[in-house]
Structure formats: structure tokens, C-alpha cells
Amino acid sequence: MEVNEFYREWLTRSGFIECESTQNFSPAGKLYLAPKELACGYYWVYGEKDLFDIKIHDFYFFEDHFISLTTPECLSITYYDSVSGEELTPYRRLTAGCVKTFHGGHALYQSIMHENIPIRSVGIEVFPAYYEKYLRESYPDDYLPPNEAFRRIGQTLDFPEMSRLLRQVWEYNGEGIPAKLFYEAKVAEAVSLVYEHGKHSQNTLSTKISKQDMDALSNVTSYIHDHFNSALPLDTLARIACMGTTKLKTSFKHVYQRTISEYIQERRMSHAEMLLSSTDLTVDQVASAVGYSNAGRFAANFKNNTGLFPSEYRKMARRK
């Protein structure tokens, strides 16, 4: 089945309605209106046969929405401009400004998206006909399966080249042959960037982490969860783990696919979202409650993390 037909069936079955293109979306793709009883906004998709697709999400749910679906075999990479939610398999918080990869077709995808907060993202999916057949036939002497390169990226805030490329895809508004050539070129460029990024992100650990070290890292994350709103010096965490600081940083990044600082900030931002949406604490009070002595720095980090300033988030989270 071709990509466009697959998404037409899936989106229609989910309550989305195909509609006329607007000036904010390229007429080369198909535009779908979100089901009015669940959400507000649009879902745009451009598909090229059974090779690849490009998707733009620009909508929000009226209530916290649990997503559970089986995806086709694919490799995807997505940039989030605004988001508030968590993936559950495995668990990781979705962060605005991040680039995230996913290998579809191997496990049930599950996530929770929080009510009233815009999901604004743009992503590219490539299917086996592209990365197992087309690339292999086009570059037989140099072909390497891209699966591992996609996996190494995981979720990162440090892939500016990909962020720029995906924003260019979002902003493009052409149609006809120029659009086909543009999207084909951008998909090839994206896969090239993934390969290149993979060269520089080889695992630094040559052996598996021992059970003793895994237990030590679990102690560190438990301590972070209990004390995220306090100062958490690296030396203190290293003593809890009974590791040197270098080993702790390397092991933590290897296991959790994020730095210790990123992990702490995710915990702080998650709690801040809850306080902003369910209490009447001022932004200054919320900042203090999650460990920030400077409300301006908190607001800037919150904006980087969700795509919204704290006051904007509160307004959207409470809208009816």
C-alpha cells in the first residue's frame, strides 16, 4: 500500500477529515482536520509511493490523550516546535526544540499528550522500500543499513543541522514538480545527516554496564526524583553512585540517552507544568518550587522545553 493511502485510511478511521489546503500548508500534500470532539487543528502529510512521507502536526487535544498504535516498519526523525507529553515505551519526556528518532513496526507505540498544549512538529519517515531497496541499489558499494544511525540519535537537543532542515520543510509551500524535487532532496539530505551524525556518536562504552553499576544509576535517578528542586552537585551524585564523575556522566548518558543536567531539567519542567495547570501559584513561586532562584532563567528554560512561556502554558492549559 502506498503511503498516502495508508494515512488516508488511518486518519479517517481516527476521525480526521480531509479538507482543502490552506496557505499555511503546501498544496502538494494532503491536509486533514482534527476530529472536533477530541482536538483542534490540522494534520498534513505528503507521501511518495511506498518510499517516504513527510508529516506536520499542528493541533492540540481538549483533554489528556492516550495514544496507543501499531506503526508500520519505518525509520522516522521528528523536530518538535511545541509539545507537552511523554512517550511510554520506553518512557521519555518529549521536549520542544528536540530532534527525536523512532523505529516503527517493532513494538506498540504508546504516549500521553497533555490537554490544550499545541503539538507542533514536522517529521520524515522512510520505509523499507527506500532504505533497504532504493539506497542499496543506488549505492551498492557504500551501502550501510541506517537503522543503527537512527537509533543512536534517540532524542537530542544537539542536532542543529537537522532542526534547520526540518524547519525548512515545514516552511516550504510549493507544489507540482518543484515540490516533488524539493521533498525528495530534503529526505535524502536528512538521511545523509543521520549517517554523518552517527559517525560522531559512537558509544564510548565498549562493554555492557554491570548490574552493580545499573543499581547505582537507579539510586542516582531516585535521588534526583526526590531532590530535583534542590541543588544537585555532580560530586554528590557521584558519591551516591560510588563512581568517579567521568564514569557517572558517561554511564548515565549511555543508559538514559540524556545528560544528567537534561534529566534534572526534564523532572523540573514536568513538575512545573503540573503546578502551572493545577495551582494558582505565581510564576515566581513555581520557579522557586522547582529549584530556580531566578524566575527569568526558569521562564527561558521552560520556553525552550515546551515551546511556550509559563504564562502562555497556563493560559492554554486552562482554556475551555
C-alpha atoms as a PDB file:
ATOM      1  CA  MET A   1       0.000   0.000   0.000  1.00  0.00           C
ATOM      2  CA  GLU A   2       1.296   3.471  -0.851  1.00  0.00           C
ATOM      3  CA  VAL A   3       1.937   5.965   1.945  1.00  0.00           C
ATOM      4  CA  ASN A   4      -0.859   8.393   1.043  1.00  0.00           C
ATOM      5  CA  GLU A   5      -3.460   5.632   1.006  1.00  0.00           C
ATOM      6  CA  PHE A   6      -2.253   4.238   4.338  1.00  0.00           C
ATOM      7  CA  TYR A   7      -2.582   7.605   6.074  1.00  0.00           C
ATOM      8  CA  ARG A   8      -5.906   8.381   4.438  1.00  0.00           C
ATOM      9  CA  GLU A   9      -7.350   5.160   5.847  1.00  0.00           C
ATOM     10  CA  TRP A  10      -5.734   5.554   9.272  1.00  0.00           C
ATOM     11  CA  LEU A  11      -6.611   9.234   9.750  1.00  0.00           C
ATOM     12  CA  THR A  12     -10.174   8.781   8.501  1.00  0.00           C
ATOM     13  CA  ARG A  13     -10.641   5.845  10.861  1.00  0.00           C
ATOM     14  CA  SER A  14      -9.348   8.086  13.689  1.00  0.00           C
ATOM     15  CA  GLY A  15     -11.920  10.783  12.929  1.00  0.00           C
ATOM     16  CA  PHE A  16      -9.796  13.189  10.889  1.00  0.00           C
ATOM     17  CA  ILE A  17     -11.485  14.758   7.867  1.00  0.00           C
ATOM     18  CA  GLU A  18      -9.661  15.519   4.612  1.00  0.00           C
ATOM     19  CA  CYS A  19     -10.043  19.199   3.723  1.00  0.00           C
ATOM     20  CA  GLU A  20      -8.845  21.861   1.301  1.00  0.00           C
ATOM     21  CA  SER A  21      -5.289  23.084   1.747  1.00  0.00           C
ATOM     22  CA  THR A  22      -4.698  26.417   3.499  1.00  0.00           C
ATOM     23  CA  GLN A  23      -1.932  28.972   2.959  1.00  0.00           C
ATOM     24  CA  ASN A  24      -0.031  27.541   5.924  1.00  0.00           C
ATOM     25  CA  PHE A  25       0.471  24.145   4.271  1.00  0.00           C
ATOM     26  CA  SER A  26       1.868  23.064   0.912  1.00  0.00           C
ATOM     27  CA  PRO A  27      -0.851  22.014  -1.550  1.00  0.00           C
ATOM     28  CA  ALA A  28       1.435  19.161  -2.589  1.00  0.00           C
ATOM     29  CA  GLY A  29       0.324  17.195   0.474  1.00  0.00           C
ATOM     30  CA  LYS A  30      -2.985  16.154   1.975  1.00  0.00           C
ATOM     31  CA  LEU A  31      -4.500  18.204   4.807  1.00  0.00           C
ATOM     32  CA  TYR A  32      -6.753  16.705   7.479  1.00  0.00           C
ATOM     33  CA  LEU A  33      -8.880  18.495  10.071  1.00  0.00           C
ATOM     34  CA  ALA A  34      -8.658  17.057  13.584  1.00  0.00           C
ATOM     35  CA  PRO A  35     -11.852  15.418  14.968  1.00  0.00           C
ATOM     36  CA  LYS A  36     -13.809  18.287  16.537  1.00  0.00           C
ATOM     37  CA  GLU A  37     -14.889  16.280  19.569  1.00  0.00           C
ATOM     38  CA  LEU A  38     -11.265  15.499  20.527  1.00  0.00           C
ATOM     39  CA  ALA A  39      -8.952  18.164  19.189  1.00  0.00           C
ATOM     40  CA  CYS A  40      -8.477  21.384  17.250  1.00  0.00           C
ATOM     41  CA  GLY A  41      -6.060  21.882  14.377  1.00  0.00           C
ATOM     42  CA  TYR A  42      -4.555  20.100  11.384  1.00  0.00           C
ATOM     43  CA  TYR A  43      -2.543  17.060  10.318  1.00  0.00           C
ATOM     44  CA  TRP A  44      -0.673  17.379   6.999  1.00  0.00           C
ATOM     45  CA  VAL A  45       1.045  14.546   5.157  1.00  0.00           C
ATOM     46  CA  TYR A  46       2.976  14.243   1.910  1.00  0.00           C
ATOM     47  CA  GLY A  47       3.720  10.724   0.694  1.00  0.00           C
ATOM     48  CA  GLU A  48       5.875   9.450  -2.152  1.00  0.00           C
ATOM     49  CA  LYS A  49       4.713   5.966  -3.240  1.00  0.00           C
ATOM     50  CA  ASP A  50       5.953   3.418  -0.671  1.00  0.00           C
ATOM     51  CA  LEU A  51       9.263   5.235  -0.154  1.00  0.00           C
ATOM     52  CA  PHE A  52       8.813   8.052   2.356  1.00  0.00           C
ATOM     53  CA  ASP A  53       6.443  10.566   3.861  1.00  0.00           C
ATOM     54  CA  ILE A  54       6.637  13.982   5.485  1.00  0.00           C
ATOM     55  CA  LYS A  55       4.185  14.862   8.252  1.00  0.00           C
ATOM     56  CA  ILE A  56       3.272  18.083  10.035  1.00  0.00           C
ATOM     57  CA  HIS A  57       1.255  18.097  13.263  1.00  0.00           C
ATOM     58  CA  ASP A  58      -0.361  21.386  14.301  1.00  0.00           C
ATOM     59  CA  PHE A  59      -3.184  20.678  16.741  1.00  0.00           C
ATOM     60  CA  TYR A  60      -3.997  20.208  20.426  1.00  0.00           C
ATOM     61  CA  PHE A  61      -6.233  17.825  22.362  1.00  0.00           C
ATOM     62  CA  PHE A  62      -9.042  19.098  24.600  1.00  0.00           C
ATOM     63  CA  GLU A  63      -8.153  16.545  27.291  1.00  0.00           C
ATOM     64  CA  ASP A  64      -5.063  14.497  28.142  1.00  0.00           C
ATOM     65  CA  HIS A  65      -4.951  11.959  25.312  1.00  0.00           C
ATOM     66  CA  PHE A  66      -3.520   8.441  25.492  1.00  0.00           C
ATOM     67  CA  ILE A  67      -2.145   7.205  22.166  1.00  0.00           C
ATOM     68  CA  SER A  68      -1.612   3.508  21.502  1.00  0.00           C
ATOM     69  CA  LEU A  69      -0.982   2.283  17.980  1.00  0.00           C
ATOM     70  CA  THR A  70       0.928  -0.184  15.866  1.00  0.00           C
ATOM     71  CA  THR A  71       3.079   1.618  13.326  1.00  0.00           C
ATOM     72  CA  PRO A  72       4.364   0.244  10.004  1.00  0.00           C
ATOM     73  CA  GLU A  73       8.019  -0.679   9.552  1.00  0.00           C
ATOM     74  CA  CYS A  74       9.826   2.647   9.155  1.00  0.00           C
ATOM     75  CA  LEU A  75      12.609   4.910  10.381  1.00  0.00           C
ATOM     76  CA  SER A  76      11.479   8.375  11.395  1.00  0.00           C
ATOM     77  CA  ILE A  77      13.027  11.611  12.586  1.00  0.00           C
ATOM     78  CA  THR A  78      10.950  14.469  14.019  1.00  0.00           C
ATOM     79  CA  TYR A  79      11.523  18.018  15.204  1.00  0.00           C
ATOM     80  CA  TYR A  80       9.202  19.407  17.908  1.00  0.00           C
ATOM     81  CA  ASP A  81       8.488  23.131  17.991  1.00  0.00           C
ATOM     82  CA  SER A  82       5.933  22.826  20.805  1.00  0.00           C
ATOM     83  CA  VAL A  83       4.843  19.799  22.845  1.00  0.00           C
ATOM     84  CA  SER A  84       3.845  18.632  26.316  1.00  0.00           C
ATOM     85  CA  GLY A  85       3.749  14.892  26.804  1.00  0.00           C
ATOM     86  CA  GLU A  86       5.607  11.658  27.427  1.00  0.00           C
ATOM     87  CA  GLU A  87       6.352   8.539  25.435  1.00  0.00           C
ATOM     88  CA  LEU A  88       5.823   5.377  27.447  1.00  0.00           C
ATOM     89  CA  THR A  89       7.713   2.622  25.580  1.00  0.00           C
ATOM     90  CA  PRO A  90      10.352   3.391  26.732  1.00  0.00           C
ATOM     91  CA  TYR A  91       9.490   6.331  28.976  1.00  0.00           C
ATOM     92  CA  ARG A  92      10.878   9.688  27.937  1.00  0.00           C
ATOM     93  CA  ARG A  93       9.569  13.209  28.172  1.00  0.00           C
ATOM     94  CA  LEU A  94       9.004  14.975  24.850  1.00  0.00           C
ATOM     95  CA  THR A  95      10.770  18.321  24.740  1.00  0.00           C
ATOM     96  CA  ALA A  96      10.270  21.325  22.478  1.00  0.00           C
ATOM     97  CA  GLY A  97      13.297  22.012  20.324  1.00  0.00           C
ATOM     98  CA  CYS A  98      14.364  18.375  20.340  1.00  0.00           C
ATOM     99  CA  VAL A  99      15.032  16.067  17.415  1.00  0.00           C
ATOM    100  CA  LYS A 100      13.716  12.540  18.028  1.00  0.00           C
ATOM    101  CA  THR A 101      14.049   9.294  16.096  1.00  0.00           C
ATOM    102  CA  PHE A 102      11.792   6.251  16.130  1.00  0.00           C
ATOM    103  CA  HIS A 103      11.982   2.757  14.622  1.00  0.00           C
ATOM    104  CA  GLY A 104       8.438   1.733  13.791  1.00  0.00           C
ATOM    105  CA  GLY A 105       6.978  -1.700  13.236  1.00  0.00           C
ATOM    106  CA  HIS A 106       8.650  -3.480  16.155  1.00  0.00           C
ATOM    107  CA  ALA A 107       6.596  -2.597  19.228  1.00  0.00           C
ATOM    108  CA  LEU A 108       3.354  -0.911  20.217  1.00  0.00           C
ATOM    109  CA  TYR A 109       3.828   2.873  20.323  1.00  0.00           C
ATOM    110  CA  GLN A 110       2.309   4.490  23.422  1.00  0.00           C
ATOM    111  CA  SER A 111       2.331   8.086  24.608  1.00  0.00           C
ATOM    112  CA  ILE A 112       0.349  10.660  26.563  1.00  0.00           C
ATOM    113  CA  MET A 113      -0.217  14.154  25.174  1.00  0.00           C
ATOM    114  CA  HIS A 114      -1.355  16.797  27.642  1.00  0.00           C
ATOM    115  CA  GLU A 115      -4.539  18.765  27.182  1.00  0.00           C
ATOM    116  CA  ASN A 116      -4.700  22.132  25.426  1.00  0.00           C
ATOM    117  CA  ILE A 117      -0.949  22.357  24.693  1.00  0.00           C
ATOM    118  CA  PRO A 118      -0.142  22.591  20.945  1.00  0.00           C
ATOM    119  CA  ILE A 119       1.620  19.660  19.316  1.00  0.00           C
ATOM    120  CA  ARG A 120       3.619  21.391  16.612  1.00  0.00           C
ATOM    121  CA  SER A 121       6.059  19.069  14.876  1.00  0.00           C
ATOM    122  CA  VAL A 122       7.458  18.126  11.490  1.00  0.00           C
ATOM    123  CA  GLY A 123       8.917  14.742  10.666  1.00  0.00           C
ATOM    124  CA  ILE A 124      10.234  12.497   7.921  1.00  0.00           C
ATOM    125  CA  GLU A 125       9.555   8.759   7.730  1.00  0.00           C
ATOM    126  CA  VAL A 126      11.432   6.453   5.372  1.00  0.00           C
ATOM    127  CA  PHE A 127      10.165   2.953   4.650  1.00  0.00           C
ATOM    128  CA  PRO A 128      11.998  -0.291   3.782  1.00  0.00           C
ATOM    129  CA  ALA A 129      11.437   0.287   0.059  1.00  0.00           C
ATOM    130  CA  TYR A 130      13.596   3.415   0.499  1.00  0.00           C
ATOM    131  CA  TYR A 131      16.337   2.385   2.920  1.00  0.00           C
ATOM    132  CA  GLU A 132      16.604  -1.331   2.123  1.00  0.00           C
ATOM    133  CA  LYS A 133      15.981  -1.271  -1.622  1.00  0.00           C
ATOM    134  CA  TYR A 134      16.408   2.197  -3.140  1.00  0.00           C
ATOM    135  CA  LEU A 135      19.555   3.152  -1.184  1.00  0.00           C
ATOM    136  CA  ARG A 136      21.103  -0.302  -1.582  1.00  0.00           C
ATOM    137  CA  GLU A 137      20.525  -0.298  -5.345  1.00  0.00           C
ATOM    138  CA  SER A 138      21.666   3.326  -5.754  1.00  0.00           C
ATOM    139  CA  TYR A 139      24.857   2.943  -3.686  1.00  0.00           C
ATOM    140  CA  PRO A 140      25.758  -0.785  -3.756  1.00  0.00           C
ATOM    141  CA  ASP A 141      29.434  -0.290  -2.901  1.00  0.00           C
ATOM    142  CA  ASP A 142      28.872   2.082   0.025  1.00  0.00           C
ATOM    143  CA  TYR A 143      25.536   0.910   1.435  1.00  0.00           C
ATOM    144  CA  LEU A 144      25.167   0.605   5.204  1.00  0.00           C
ATOM    145  CA  PRO A 145      21.795  -0.046   6.879  1.00  0.00           C
ATOM    146  CA  PRO A 146      20.758   3.261   8.509  1.00  0.00           C
ATOM    147  CA  ASN A 147      18.907   1.607  11.410  1.00  0.00           C
ATOM    148  CA  GLU A 148      21.771   1.911  13.897  1.00  0.00           C
ATOM    149  CA  ALA A 149      22.498   5.519  12.919  1.00  0.00           C
ATOM    150  CA  PHE A 150      18.850   6.436  13.599  1.00  0.00           C
ATOM    151  CA  ARG A 151      18.905   4.569  16.921  1.00  0.00           C
ATOM    152  CA  ARG A 152      21.999   6.419  18.136  1.00  0.00           C
ATOM    153  CA  ILE A 153      20.247   9.778  17.844  1.00  0.00           C
ATOM    154  CA  GLY A 154      17.393   8.835  20.176  1.00  0.00           C
ATOM    155  CA  GLN A 155      16.225  12.207  21.438  1.00  0.00           C
ATOM    156  CA  THR A 156      18.598  15.155  21.396  1.00  0.00           C
ATOM    157  CA  LEU A 157      18.710  18.928  21.660  1.00  0.00           C
ATOM    158  CA  ASP A 158      22.091  18.944  19.923  1.00  0.00           C
ATOM    159  CA  PHE A 159      21.382  18.358  16.244  1.00  0.00           C
ATOM    160  CA  PRO A 160      21.010  21.898  14.828  1.00  0.00           C
ATOM    161  CA  GLU A 161      21.551  20.839  11.198  1.00  0.00           C
ATOM    162  CA  MET A 162      18.532  18.533  11.349  1.00  0.00           C
ATOM    163  CA  SER A 163      16.429  21.119  13.181  1.00  0.00           C
ATOM    164  CA  ARG A 164      17.128  23.652  10.423  1.00  0.00           C
ATOM    165  CA  LEU A 165      16.376  21.142   7.656  1.00  0.00           C
ATOM    166  CA  LEU A 166      13.032  20.123   9.156  1.00  0.00           C
ATOM    167  CA  ARG A 167      12.015  23.745   9.740  1.00  0.00           C
ATOM    168  CA  GLN A 168      12.775  24.412   6.054  1.00  0.00           C
ATOM    169  CA  VAL A 169      10.494  21.508   5.139  1.00  0.00           C
ATOM    170  CA  TRP A 170       7.735  22.962   7.339  1.00  0.00           C
ATOM    171  CA  GLU A 171       8.027  26.427   5.790  1.00  0.00           C
ATOM    172  CA  TYR A 172       8.055  25.239   2.173  1.00  0.00           C
ATOM    173  CA  ASN A 173       4.795  25.914   0.337  1.00  0.00           C
ATOM    174  CA  GLY A 174       5.417  24.806  -3.257  1.00  0.00           C
ATOM    175  CA  GLU A 175       3.504  22.356  -5.409  1.00  0.00           C
ATOM    176  CA  GLY A 176       3.841  20.258  -8.559  1.00  0.00           C
ATOM    177  CA  ILE A 177       7.223  19.050  -9.824  1.00  0.00           C
ATOM    178  CA  PRO A 178       9.200  21.643  -7.799  1.00  0.00           C
ATOM    179  CA  ALA A 179       7.605  20.274  -4.611  1.00  0.00           C
ATOM    180  CA  LYS A 180       8.367  16.663  -5.541  1.00  0.00           C
ATOM    181  CA  LEU A 181      12.005  17.507  -6.219  1.00  0.00           C
ATOM    182  CA  PHE A 182      12.265  19.606  -3.048  1.00  0.00           C
ATOM    183  CA  TYR A 183      10.855  16.905  -0.759  1.00  0.00           C
ATOM    184  CA  GLU A 184      12.875  14.132  -2.389  1.00  0.00           C
ATOM    185  CA  ALA A 185      16.056  16.165  -1.927  1.00  0.00           C
ATOM    186  CA  LYS A 186      15.267  17.003   1.709  1.00  0.00           C
ATOM    187  CA  VAL A 187      14.586  13.361   2.579  1.00  0.00           C
ATOM    188  CA  ALA A 188      17.937  12.354   1.057  1.00  0.00           C
ATOM    189  CA  GLU A 189      19.663  15.199   2.928  1.00  0.00           C
ATOM    190  CA  ALA A 190      18.020  14.149   6.203  1.00  0.00           C
ATOM    191  CA  VAL A 191      19.192  10.549   5.829  1.00  0.00           C
ATOM    192  CA  SER A 192      22.677  11.823   4.951  1.00  0.00           C
ATOM    193  CA  LEU A 193      22.732  13.920   8.136  1.00  0.00           C
ATOM    194  CA  VAL A 194      21.658  10.901  10.186  1.00  0.00           C
ATOM    195  CA  TYR A 195      24.536   8.848   8.759  1.00  0.00           C
ATOM    196  CA  GLU A 196      27.001  11.669   9.435  1.00  0.00           C
ATOM    197  CA  HIS A 197      25.696  12.264  12.958  1.00  0.00           C
ATOM    198  CA  GLY A 198      26.011   8.546  13.669  1.00  0.00           C
ATOM    199  CA  LYS A 199      29.744   8.646  12.929  1.00  0.00           C
ATOM    200  CA  HIS A 200      30.253  11.133  15.752  1.00  0.00           C
ATOM    201  CA  SER A 201      28.021   9.467  18.332  1.00  0.00           C
ATOM    202  CA  GLN A 202      29.576   6.033  18.682  1.00  0.00           C
ATOM    203  CA  ASN A 203      29.040   4.540  22.097  1.00  0.00           C
ATOM    204  CA  THR A 204      32.004   5.277  24.333  1.00  0.00           C
ATOM    205  CA  LEU A 205      31.354   2.195  26.452  1.00  0.00           C
ATOM    206  CA  SER A 206      32.900  -0.919  24.943  1.00  0.00           C
ATOM    207  CA  THR A 207      31.359  -3.315  27.470  1.00  0.00           C
ATOM    208  CA  LYS A 208      27.932  -3.746  28.985  1.00  0.00           C
ATOM    209  CA  ILE A 209      27.223  -1.867  32.189  1.00  0.00           C
ATOM    210  CA  SER A 210      27.324  -4.201  35.178  1.00  0.00           C
ATOM    211  CA  LYS A 211      24.289  -4.883  37.339  1.00  0.00           C
ATOM    212  CA  GLN A 212      26.067  -3.178  40.215  1.00  0.00           C
ATOM    213  CA  ASP A 213      26.504  -0.005  38.154  1.00  0.00           C
ATOM    214  CA  MET A 214      22.901  -0.206  36.916  1.00  0.00           C
ATOM    215  CA  ASP A 215      21.721  -0.361  40.535  1.00  0.00           C
ATOM    216  CA  ALA A 216      23.954   2.603  41.329  1.00  0.00           C
ATOM    217  CA  LEU A 217      22.461   4.625  38.474  1.00  0.00           C
ATOM    218  CA  SER A 218      18.982   3.712  39.695  1.00  0.00           C
ATOM    219  CA  ASN A 219      19.928   5.150  43.089  1.00  0.00           C
ATOM    220  CA  VAL A 220      21.029   8.355  41.384  1.00  0.00           C
ATOM    221  CA  THR A 221      17.761   8.770  39.466  1.00  0.00           C
ATOM    222  CA  SER A 222      15.759   8.045  42.630  1.00  0.00           C
ATOM    223  CA  TYR A 223      17.734  10.733  44.453  1.00  0.00           C
ATOM    224  CA  ILE A 224      17.123  13.184  41.603  1.00  0.00           C
ATOM    225  CA  HIS A 225      13.372  12.482  41.709  1.00  0.00           C
ATOM    226  CA  ASP A 226      13.301  13.206  45.455  1.00  0.00           C
ATOM    227  CA  HIS A 227      15.545  16.300  45.355  1.00  0.00           C
ATOM    228  CA  PHE A 228      15.057  17.812  41.881  1.00  0.00           C
ATOM    229  CA  ASN A 229      14.102  21.171  43.402  1.00  0.00           C
ATOM    230  CA  SER A 230      17.400  21.434  45.277  1.00  0.00           C
ATOM    231  CA  ALA A 231      20.978  21.898  44.164  1.00  0.00           C
ATOM    232  CA  LEU A 232      22.359  18.614  42.802  1.00  0.00           C
ATOM    233  CA  PRO A 233      26.153  18.879  42.519  1.00  0.00           C
ATOM    234  CA  LEU A 234      27.783  16.271  40.317  1.00  0.00           C
ATOM    235  CA  ASP A 235      30.163  15.353  43.150  1.00  0.00           C
ATOM    236  CA  THR A 236      27.200  14.465  45.378  1.00  0.00           C
ATOM    237  CA  LEU A 237      25.626  12.268  42.697  1.00  0.00           C
ATOM    238  CA  ALA A 238      28.989  10.584  42.065  1.00  0.00           C
ATOM    239  CA  ARG A 239      29.308   9.723  45.782  1.00  0.00           C
ATOM    240  CA  ILE A 240      25.792   8.239  45.726  1.00  0.00           C
ATOM    241  CA  ALA A 241      26.750   6.132  42.704  1.00  0.00           C
ATOM    242  CA  CYS A 242      30.188   5.221  44.136  1.00  0.00           C
ATOM    243  CA  MET A 243      31.670   6.266  40.788  1.00  0.00           C
ATOM    244  CA  GLY A 244      34.026   8.894  39.530  1.00  0.00           C
ATOM    245  CA  THR A 245      32.356  11.889  37.929  1.00  0.00           C
ATOM    246  CA  THR A 246      33.556  10.983  34.421  1.00  0.00           C
ATOM    247  CA  LYS A 247      32.279   7.400  34.654  1.00  0.00           C
ATOM    248  CA  LEU A 248      28.974   8.610  36.084  1.00  0.00           C
ATOM    249  CA  LYS A 249      28.394  11.090  33.267  1.00  0.00           C
ATOM    250  CA  THR A 250      29.321   8.569  30.573  1.00  0.00           C
ATOM    251  CA  SER A 251      27.315   5.704  32.081  1.00  0.00           C
ATOM    252  CA  PHE A 252      24.275   7.884  32.725  1.00  0.00           C
ATOM    253  CA  LYS A 253      24.220   9.172  29.139  1.00  0.00           C
ATOM    254  CA  HIS A 254      24.640   5.626  27.793  1.00  0.00           C
ATOM    255  CA  VAL A 255      21.732   4.226  29.826  1.00  0.00           C
ATOM    256  CA  TYR A 256      19.260   7.125  29.793  1.00  0.00           C
ATOM    257  CA  GLN A 257      20.116   8.705  26.411  1.00  0.00           C
ATOM    258  CA  ARG A 258      20.389  12.142  28.014  1.00  0.00           C
ATOM    259  CA  THR A 259      22.842  14.011  30.217  1.00  0.00           C
ATOM    260  CA  ILE A 260      22.337  14.322  33.972  1.00  0.00           C
ATOM    261  CA  SER A 261      21.552  18.033  33.551  1.00  0.00           C
ATOM    262  CA  GLU A 262      18.933  17.269  30.893  1.00  0.00           C
ATOM    263  CA  TYR A 263      17.398  14.595  33.144  1.00  0.00           C
ATOM    264  CA  ILE A 264      17.143  17.017  36.081  1.00  0.00           C
ATOM    265  CA  GLN A 265      15.637  19.721  33.904  1.00  0.00           C
ATOM    266  CA  GLU A 266      13.037  17.327  32.494  1.00  0.00           C
ATOM    267  CA  ARG A 267      11.963  16.441  36.034  1.00  0.00           C
ATOM    268  CA  ARG A 268      11.738  20.124  36.979  1.00  0.00           C
ATOM    269  CA  MET A 269       9.767  21.070  33.871  1.00  0.00           C
ATOM    270  CA  SER A 270       7.318  18.201  34.330  1.00  0.00           C
ATOM    271  CA  HIS A 271       6.537  19.355  37.870  1.00  0.00           C
ATOM    272  CA  ALA A 272       6.326  22.981  36.730  1.00  0.00           C
ATOM    273  CA  GLU A 273       3.694  22.016  34.126  1.00  0.00           C
ATOM    274  CA  MET A 274       1.595  20.414  36.854  1.00  0.00           C
ATOM    275  CA  LEU A 275       1.876  23.463  39.123  1.00  0.00           C
ATOM    276  CA  LEU A 276       1.043  25.917  36.325  1.00  0.00           C
ATOM    277  CA  SER A 277      -2.032  23.985  35.198  1.00  0.00           C
ATOM    278  CA  SER A 278      -3.474  22.966  38.583  1.00  0.00           C
ATOM    279  CA  THR A 279      -2.485  25.646  41.135  1.00  0.00           C
ATOM    280  CA  ASP A 280      -2.679  29.431  41.444  1.00  0.00           C
ATOM    281  CA  LEU A 281       0.982  29.852  42.347  1.00  0.00           C
ATOM    282  CA  THR A 282       2.642  32.789  40.616  1.00  0.00           C
ATOM    283  CA  VAL A 283       5.320  32.086  38.023  1.00  0.00           C
ATOM    284  CA  ASP A 284       7.948  33.245  40.549  1.00  0.00           C
ATOM    285  CA  GLN A 285       6.574  30.792  43.114  1.00  0.00           C
ATOM    286  CA  VAL A 286       6.531  27.958  40.576  1.00  0.00           C
ATOM    287  CA  ALA A 287      10.128  28.744  39.646  1.00  0.00           C
ATOM    288  CA  SER A 288      11.172  28.542  43.296  1.00  0.00           C
ATOM    289  CA  ALA A 289       9.184  25.339  43.847  1.00  0.00           C
ATOM    290  CA  VAL A 290      11.069  23.509  41.097  1.00  0.00           C
ATOM    291  CA  GLY A 291      14.528  24.697  42.095  1.00  0.00           C
ATOM    292  CA  TYR A 292      15.139  28.015  40.322  1.00  0.00           C
ATOM    293  CA  SER A 293      16.253  31.105  42.238  1.00  0.00           C
ATOM    294  CA  ASN A 294      15.846  33.244  39.110  1.00  0.00           C
ATOM    295  CA  ALA A 295      12.342  33.373  37.585  1.00  0.00           C
ATOM    296  CA  GLY A 296      13.676  34.774  34.315  1.00  0.00           C
ATOM    297  CA  ARG A 297      16.010  31.825  33.848  1.00  0.00           C
ATOM    298  CA  PHE A 298      13.161  29.460  34.713  1.00  0.00           C
ATOM    299  CA  ALA A 299      10.886  31.109  32.117  1.00  0.00           C
ATOM    300  CA  ALA A 300      13.580  30.859  29.433  1.00  0.00           C
ATOM    301  CA  ASN A 301      14.240  27.180  30.182  1.00  0.00           C
ATOM    302  CA  PHE A 302      10.513  26.446  30.275  1.00  0.00           C
ATOM    303  CA  LYS A 303      10.111  28.102  26.854  1.00  0.00           C
ATOM    304  CA  ASN A 304      12.984  26.023  25.462  1.00  0.00           C
ATOM    305  CA  ASN A 305      11.455  22.875  26.922  1.00  0.00           C
ATOM    306  CA  THR A 306       7.803  23.266  25.892  1.00  0.00           C
ATOM    307  CA  GLY A 307       7.813  25.946  23.204  1.00  0.00           C
ATOM    308  CA  LEU A 308       5.735  28.230  25.459  1.00  0.00           C
ATOM    309  CA  PHE A 309       6.446  30.733  28.225  1.00  0.00           C
ATOM    310  CA  PRO A 310       4.986  29.757  31.631  1.00  0.00           C
ATOM    311  CA  SER A 311       2.170  32.319  31.395  1.00  0.00           C
ATOM    312  CA  GLU A 312       1.287  31.096  27.876  1.00  0.00           C
ATOM    313  CA  TYR A 313       1.317  27.500  29.045  1.00  0.00           C
ATOM    314  CA  ARG A 314      -1.013  28.288  31.977  1.00  0.00           C
ATOM    315  CA  LYS A 315      -3.429  30.147  29.714  1.00  0.00           C
ATOM    316  CA  MET A 316      -3.577  27.309  27.191  1.00  0.00           C
ATOM    317  CA  ALA A 317      -3.736  24.553  29.806  1.00  0.00           C
ATOM    318  CA  ARG A 318      -6.787  26.194  31.394  1.00  0.00           C
ATOM    319  CA  ARG A 319      -8.696  27.152  28.272  1.00  0.00           C
ATOM    320  CA  LYS A 320     -12.085  25.554  27.723  1.00  0.00           C
END
